């Protein structure tokens, strides 16, 4: 999972999803996460989350994203009857 931004909600999501077993990457434009907070505190939070496996990329901007895999969606009780299955190919999102 890629989270764009290092604000409080993104950091909370990073921690939760990492602990649930998802690989998490946080991309932050500035030099620290939680930029409105004290740098020492933000660095401590980043250190703890890094030890848990969250990867941080600071001072970078995302220019584009590429969707590498779209799951095959099959019929289920949540879909209308007669709905078709969908299987996507690699796509570029600009």
Protein backbone atom coordinates (compact mmCIF):
# COMPACT_ATOMS: atom_id res chain seq x y z
CA UNK A 1 0.00 0.00 0.00
CA UNK A 2 1.30 3.44 -0.88
CA UNK A 3 0.20 6.35 1.27
CA UNK A 4 0.73 9.81 -0.17
CA UNK A 5 1.47 12.23 2.64
CA UNK A 6 2.72 11.83 6.17
CA UNK A 7 -0.04 13.48 8.18
CA UNK A 8 -1.70 11.97 11.25
CA UNK A 9 -4.35 10.00 9.34
CA UNK A 10 -1.82 8.53 6.89
CA UNK A 11 0.51 7.53 9.73
CA UNK A 12 -2.36 5.91 11.61
CA UNK A 13 -3.35 3.99 8.47
CA UNK A 14 0.29 2.98 7.89
CA UNK A 15 0.56 1.52 11.37
CA UNK A 16 -2.77 -0.30 11.20
CA UNK A 17 -2.24 -1.86 7.77
CA UNK A 18 1.39 -2.80 8.49
CA UNK A 19 0.27 -4.60 11.63
CA UNK A 20 -2.37 -6.41 9.57
CA UNK A 21 0.35 -7.71 7.26
CA UNK A 22 0.28 -5.24 4.37
CA UNK A 23 3.54 -3.81 3.04
CA UNK A 24 3.23 -0.05 3.53
CA UNK A 25 5.15 2.78 1.87
CA UNK A 26 4.70 6.41 2.97
CA UNK A 27 5.65 9.12 0.47
CA UNK A 28 6.09 12.55 2.03
CA UNK A 29 7.00 15.79 0.20
CA UNK A 30 8.65 17.41 3.22
CA UNK A 31 11.65 16.32 5.29
CA UNK A 32 9.57 14.82 8.12
CA UNK A 33 6.31 13.04 8.74
CA UNK A 34 3.74 14.74 10.97
CA UNK A 35 5.11 18.10 9.83
CA UNK A 36 2.90 20.11 12.21
CA UNK A 37 4.33 18.28 15.20
CA UNK A 38 7.63 18.58 17.03
CA UNK A 39 10.47 17.08 14.96
CA UNK A 40 11.77 14.94 17.84
CA UNK A 41 8.34 13.37 18.33
CA UNK A 42 7.83 12.85 14.59
CA UNK A 43 11.26 11.21 14.30
CA UNK A 44 10.42 8.86 17.18
CA UNK A 45 7.13 7.83 15.54
CA UNK A 46 8.95 7.23 12.24
CA UNK A 47 11.63 5.16 14.00
CA UNK A 48 9.02 2.95 15.70
CA UNK A 49 7.06 2.43 12.49
CA UNK A 50 10.25 1.76 10.52
CA UNK A 51 11.12 -1.02 12.96
CA UNK A 52 7.66 -2.47 12.32
CA UNK A 53 8.40 -2.51 8.57
CA UNK A 54 6.86 0.70 7.21
CA UNK A 55 9.07 2.22 4.50
CA UNK A 56 9.36 6.02 4.39
CA UNK A 57 10.40 8.18 1.44
CA UNK A 58 10.90 11.81 2.49
CA UNK A 59 11.48 14.88 0.31
CA UNK A 60 9.89 13.19 -2.70
CA UNK A 61 6.74 13.72 -4.76
CA UNK A 62 4.75 11.10 -6.62
CA UNK A 63 4.57 12.02 -10.30
CA UNK A 64 2.48 9.07 -11.44
CA UNK A 65 1.24 5.67 -10.35
CA UNK A 66 1.06 2.42 -12.27
CA UNK A 67 -1.53 -0.19 -11.41
CA UNK A 68 0.25 -3.51 -11.91
CA UNK A 69 -2.56 -5.90 -11.07
CA UNK A 70 -6.33 -5.83 -11.10
CA UNK A 71 -8.00 -8.84 -9.50
CA UNK A 72 -10.51 -10.91 -11.40
CA UNK A 73 -13.92 -10.04 -10.04
CA UNK A 74 -16.48 -12.84 -10.13
CA UNK A 75 -20.19 -12.95 -9.47
CA UNK A 76 -21.22 -12.73 -5.87
CA UNK A 77 -24.29 -11.91 -3.81
CA UNK A 78 -23.26 -8.23 -3.81
CA UNK A 79 -23.58 -7.96 -7.62
CA UNK A 80 -26.67 -7.72 -9.76
CA UNK A 81 -27.74 -10.85 -11.57
CA UNK A 82 -26.36 -10.96 -15.06
CA UNK A 83 -23.33 -8.81 -14.21
CA UNK A 84 -20.20 -9.77 -16.13
CA UNK A 85 -16.86 -10.76 -14.65
CA UNK A 86 -14.06 -8.28 -15.18
CA UNK A 87 -10.39 -9.00 -15.62
CA UNK A 88 -8.12 -6.01 -16.14
CA UNK A 89 -4.75 -5.65 -17.76
CA UNK A 90 -1.79 -3.53 -16.73
CA UNK A 91 -2.78 0.14 -16.83
CA UNK A 92 -1.01 3.43 -16.41
CA UNK A 93 -2.69 6.14 -14.38
CA UNK A 94 -1.48 9.68 -15.09
